[in-house]
């Protein structure tokens, strides 16, 4: 479970970095920045839904305070 979340988080950060690279390199001439940000939003929503589903299925337990 932790590995899936970590891989998704790395994908989100990589997509954000590629969007910044395309923004600086293309200067708005292409749609690559928008596509990279769309991928980032899609991955973020998918990660949120996966975490919610894991909690609902009982795979993820909340931590209890001391």
C-alpha atoms as a PDB file:
ATOM      1  CA  UNK A   1       0.000   0.000   0.000  1.00  0.00           C
ATOM      2  CA  UNK A   2       2.782   2.425   0.923  1.00  0.00           C
ATOM      3  CA  UNK A   3       4.637   1.640  -2.287  1.00  0.00           C
ATOM      4  CA  UNK A   4       1.597   2.462  -4.449  1.00  0.00           C
ATOM      5  CA  UNK A   5       1.139   5.785  -2.664  1.00  0.00           C
ATOM      6  CA  UNK A   6       4.849   6.603  -2.962  1.00  0.00           C
ATOM      7  CA  UNK A   7       4.916   5.783  -6.697  1.00  0.00           C
ATOM      8  CA  UNK A   8       1.814   7.908  -7.301  1.00  0.00           C
ATOM      9  CA  UNK A   9       3.335  10.797  -5.364  1.00  0.00           C
ATOM     10  CA  UNK A  10       6.567  10.573  -7.380  1.00  0.00           C
ATOM     11  CA  UNK A  11       4.488  10.571 -10.575  1.00  0.00           C
ATOM     12  CA  UNK A  12       2.624  13.682  -9.441  1.00  0.00           C
ATOM     13  CA  UNK A  13       5.863  15.531  -8.663  1.00  0.00           C
ATOM     14  CA  UNK A  14       7.430  14.397 -11.963  1.00  0.00           C
ATOM     15  CA  UNK A  15       4.419  15.621 -13.902  1.00  0.00           C
ATOM     16  CA  UNK A  16       4.587  18.963 -12.132  1.00  0.00           C
ATOM     17  CA  UNK A  17       8.304  19.248 -12.941  1.00  0.00           C
ATOM     18  CA  UNK A  18       7.712  18.417 -16.589  1.00  0.00           C
ATOM     19  CA  UNK A  19       4.967  21.049 -16.763  1.00  0.00           C
ATOM     20  CA  UNK A  20       7.411  23.639 -15.420  1.00  0.00           C
ATOM     21  CA  UNK A  21      10.031  22.534 -17.954  1.00  0.00           C
ATOM     22  CA  UNK A  22       7.551  22.780 -20.835  1.00  0.00           C
ATOM     23  CA  UNK A  23       6.334  26.169 -19.613  1.00  0.00           C
ATOM     24  CA  UNK A  24       9.861  27.572 -19.586  1.00  0.00           C
ATOM     25  CA  UNK A  25      10.968  25.888 -22.814  1.00  0.00           C
ATOM     26  CA  UNK A  26       7.909  26.333 -25.084  1.00  0.00           C
ATOM     27  CA  UNK A  27       6.753  29.712 -23.762  1.00  0.00           C
ATOM     28  CA  UNK A  28       3.121  28.819 -24.381  1.00  0.00           C
ATOM     29  CA  UNK A  29       3.548  27.810 -28.014  1.00  0.00           C
ATOM     30  CA  UNK A  30       2.310  24.234 -27.462  1.00  0.00           C
ATOM     31  CA  UNK A  31      -0.200  22.443 -25.270  1.00  0.00           C
ATOM     32  CA  UNK A  32       2.409  20.275 -23.530  1.00  0.00           C
ATOM     33  CA  UNK A  33       2.193  22.311 -20.304  1.00  0.00           C
ATOM     34  CA  UNK A  34      -1.570  21.903 -20.154  1.00  0.00           C
ATOM     35  CA  UNK A  35      -1.278  18.183 -20.869  1.00  0.00           C
ATOM     36  CA  UNK A  36       1.300  17.703 -18.100  1.00  0.00           C
ATOM     37  CA  UNK A  37      -0.882  19.591 -15.612  1.00  0.00           C
ATOM     38  CA  UNK A  38      -3.896  17.538 -16.682  1.00  0.00           C
ATOM     39  CA  UNK A  39      -1.938  14.364 -15.965  1.00  0.00           C
ATOM     40  CA  UNK A  40      -0.964  15.779 -12.552  1.00  0.00           C
ATOM     41  CA  UNK A  41      -4.558  16.539 -11.639  1.00  0.00           C
ATOM     42  CA  UNK A  42      -5.667  13.107 -12.857  1.00  0.00           C
ATOM     43  CA  UNK A  43      -2.990  11.372 -10.785  1.00  0.00           C
ATOM     44  CA  UNK A  44      -3.897  13.444  -7.733  1.00  0.00           C
ATOM     45  CA  UNK A  45      -7.580  12.564  -8.028  1.00  0.00           C
ATOM     46  CA  UNK A  46      -6.755   8.897  -8.618  1.00  0.00           C
ATOM     47  CA  UNK A  47      -4.489   8.856  -5.542  1.00  0.00           C
ATOM     48  CA  UNK A  48      -7.169  10.483  -3.410  1.00  0.00           C
ATOM     49  CA  UNK A  49      -9.770   7.972  -4.586  1.00  0.00           C
ATOM     50  CA  UNK A  50      -7.350   5.077  -4.011  1.00  0.00           C
ATOM     51  CA  UNK A  51      -6.645   6.230  -0.445  1.00  0.00           C
ATOM     52  CA  UNK A  52     -10.354   6.671   0.210  1.00  0.00           C
ATOM     53  CA  UNK A  53     -11.109   3.212  -1.217  1.00  0.00           C
ATOM     54  CA  UNK A  54      -8.320   1.653   0.850  1.00  0.00           C
ATOM     55  CA  UNK A  55      -9.735   3.226   4.000  1.00  0.00           C
ATOM     56  CA  UNK A  56     -13.239   2.052   3.094  1.00  0.00           C
ATOM     57  CA  UNK A  57     -12.004  -1.511   2.498  1.00  0.00           C
ATOM     58  CA  UNK A  58     -10.064  -1.498   5.765  1.00  0.00           C
ATOM     59  CA  UNK A  59      -6.621  -1.684   4.151  1.00  0.00           C
ATOM     60  CA  UNK A  60      -5.655   1.667   5.683  1.00  0.00           C
ATOM     61  CA  UNK A  61      -6.190   2.281   9.381  1.00  0.00           C
ATOM     62  CA  UNK A  62      -6.048   5.737  10.949  1.00  0.00           C
ATOM     63  CA  UNK A  63      -3.433   6.203  13.639  1.00  0.00           C
ATOM     64  CA  UNK A  64      -4.721   6.583  17.148  1.00  0.00           C
ATOM     65  CA  UNK A  65      -3.243   9.284  19.407  1.00  0.00           C
ATOM     66  CA  UNK A  66      -1.279   8.167  22.431  1.00  0.00           C
END
